[in-house]
Protein backbone atom coordinates (compact mmCIF):
# COMPACT_ATOMS: atom_id res chain seq x y z
CA MET A 1 -32.52 28.90 7.08
CA SER A 2 -31.68 31.31 4.28
CA GLY A 3 -30.81 34.95 4.83
CA ALA A 4 -28.18 37.69 4.70
CA PHE A 5 -24.88 37.30 6.54
CA GLN A 6 -22.50 40.22 7.24
CA LEU A 7 -18.87 39.15 6.86
CA ARG A 8 -16.09 41.45 8.09
CA VAL A 9 -12.77 40.90 6.32
CA ARG A 10 -9.29 42.34 5.97
CA VAL A 11 -8.08 42.23 2.37
CA THR A 12 -4.38 42.07 1.53
CA PRO A 13 -3.80 42.87 -2.16
CA GLY A 14 -0.63 41.88 -4.03
CA ALA A 15 -0.22 38.54 -2.24
CA ASN A 16 1.66 35.63 -3.82
CA ARG A 17 -1.62 33.76 -4.25
CA THR A 18 -5.30 34.28 -3.55
CA ARG A 19 -6.38 32.66 -0.28
CA VAL A 20 -9.15 32.99 2.30
CA GLY A 21 -8.45 31.93 5.87
CA GLY A 22 -7.15 33.00 9.23
CA VAL A 23 -8.08 35.80 11.57
CA TRP A 24 -6.84 39.37 11.81
CA ASN A 25 -7.33 41.09 15.16
CA GLY A 26 -7.60 44.85 14.86
CA PRO A 27 -6.26 47.35 17.37
CA GLU A 28 -9.76 47.90 18.75
CA GLY A 29 -10.37 44.19 19.28
CA ASP A 30 -12.34 43.66 16.10
CA GLU A 31 -11.88 40.23 14.53
CA ARG A 32 -11.91 39.86 10.75
CA LEU A 33 -11.46 37.00 8.30
CA VAL A 34 -8.25 37.37 6.26
CA VAL A 35 -8.58 37.50 2.46
CA ARG A 36 -5.33 37.61 0.48
CA VAL A 37 -5.55 38.36 -3.23
CA SER A 38 -2.87 38.42 -5.90
CA ALA A 39 -4.57 41.31 -7.72
CA ALA A 40 -3.21 44.82 -7.33
CA PRO A 41 -5.35 47.49 -5.65
CA GLU A 42 -6.01 49.36 -8.90
CA LYS A 43 -9.29 50.09 -10.64
CA GLY A 44 -11.26 47.71 -8.42
CA LYS A 45 -9.21 44.63 -9.35
CA ALA A 46 -8.49 43.67 -5.74
CA ASN A 47 -12.15 44.15 -4.77
CA LYS A 48 -13.31 41.93 -7.64
CA SER A 49 -10.74 39.28 -6.76
CA ALA A 50 -11.67 39.40 -3.06
CA LEU A 51 -15.37 39.08 -3.86
CA GLU A 52 -14.70 36.07 -6.11
CA ALA A 53 -12.46 34.45 -3.47
CA VAL A 54 -15.07 34.91 -0.73
CA ALA A 55 -17.82 33.51 -2.96
CA LYS A 56 -15.70 30.46 -3.79
CA ALA A 57 -14.66 29.91 -0.15
CA PHE A 58 -18.29 29.91 0.95
CA GLY A 59 -19.54 27.90 -2.03
CA LEU A 60 -21.79 30.72 -3.22
CA PRO A 61 -22.39 32.24 -6.65
CA LYS A 62 -20.72 35.64 -7.12
CA SER A 63 -24.18 37.17 -7.39
CA ALA A 64 -24.82 36.20 -3.75
CA VAL A 65 -21.86 38.29 -2.48
CA SER A 66 -21.52 42.08 -2.44
CA VAL A 67 -19.24 44.67 -0.84
CA THR A 68 -21.38 46.73 1.52
CA ALA A 69 -18.68 48.75 3.30
CA GLY A 70 -15.02 49.65 2.78
CA ASP A 71 -14.98 49.75 -1.01
CA LYS A 72 -11.65 51.62 -1.01
CA ASP A 73 -10.26 50.22 2.25
CA ARG A 74 -8.53 47.01 3.32
CA LEU A 75 -11.19 46.57 6.00
CA LYS A 76 -14.38 45.58 4.22
CA THR A 77 -17.80 44.20 4.96
CA PHE A 78 -19.36 41.75 2.54
CA THR A 79 -23.00 40.71 2.53
CA LEU A 80 -23.50 37.05 1.69
CA ILE A 81 -26.90 35.63 0.80
CA GLY A 82 -27.46 31.94 1.49
CA ASP A 83 -27.94 29.31 4.16
CA LEU A 84 -27.05 31.01 7.45
CA ASP A 85 -26.09 27.82 9.30
CA ALA A 86 -23.84 26.64 6.47
CA MET A 87 -22.15 30.06 6.20
CA ALA A 88 -21.55 30.23 9.97
CA ALA A 89 -20.01 26.75 9.94
CA ARG A 90 -17.80 27.62 6.96
CA LEU A 91 -16.68 30.86 8.63
CA ALA A 92 -15.65 28.95 11.75
CA ALA A 93 -13.60 26.54 9.62
CA LEU A 94 -11.95 29.35 7.62
CA LYS A 95 -10.95 31.20 10.78
CA LYS A 96 -8.95 28.13 11.87
CA GLU A 97 -6.95 27.97 8.63
């Protein structure tokens, strides 16, 4: 079934390499997927890199992924458009990495 999927992430800019995987638990108990990007947080470079990394990790075209909250924050929400079951399964696998 195709639809929109809200993905909550924590982006770490300036990492050694770009990587998607693992879980970050916030102080209020919120759980987010970890996205590390090598790009610096300047002029939207880290956002672009994070969007591309998320699209690749979920096997989606970049046009199917957008930042819907947290544009200037490490804590972001992405909207992914695609097969909901496949995205949920991929999210579960990425959280274990």
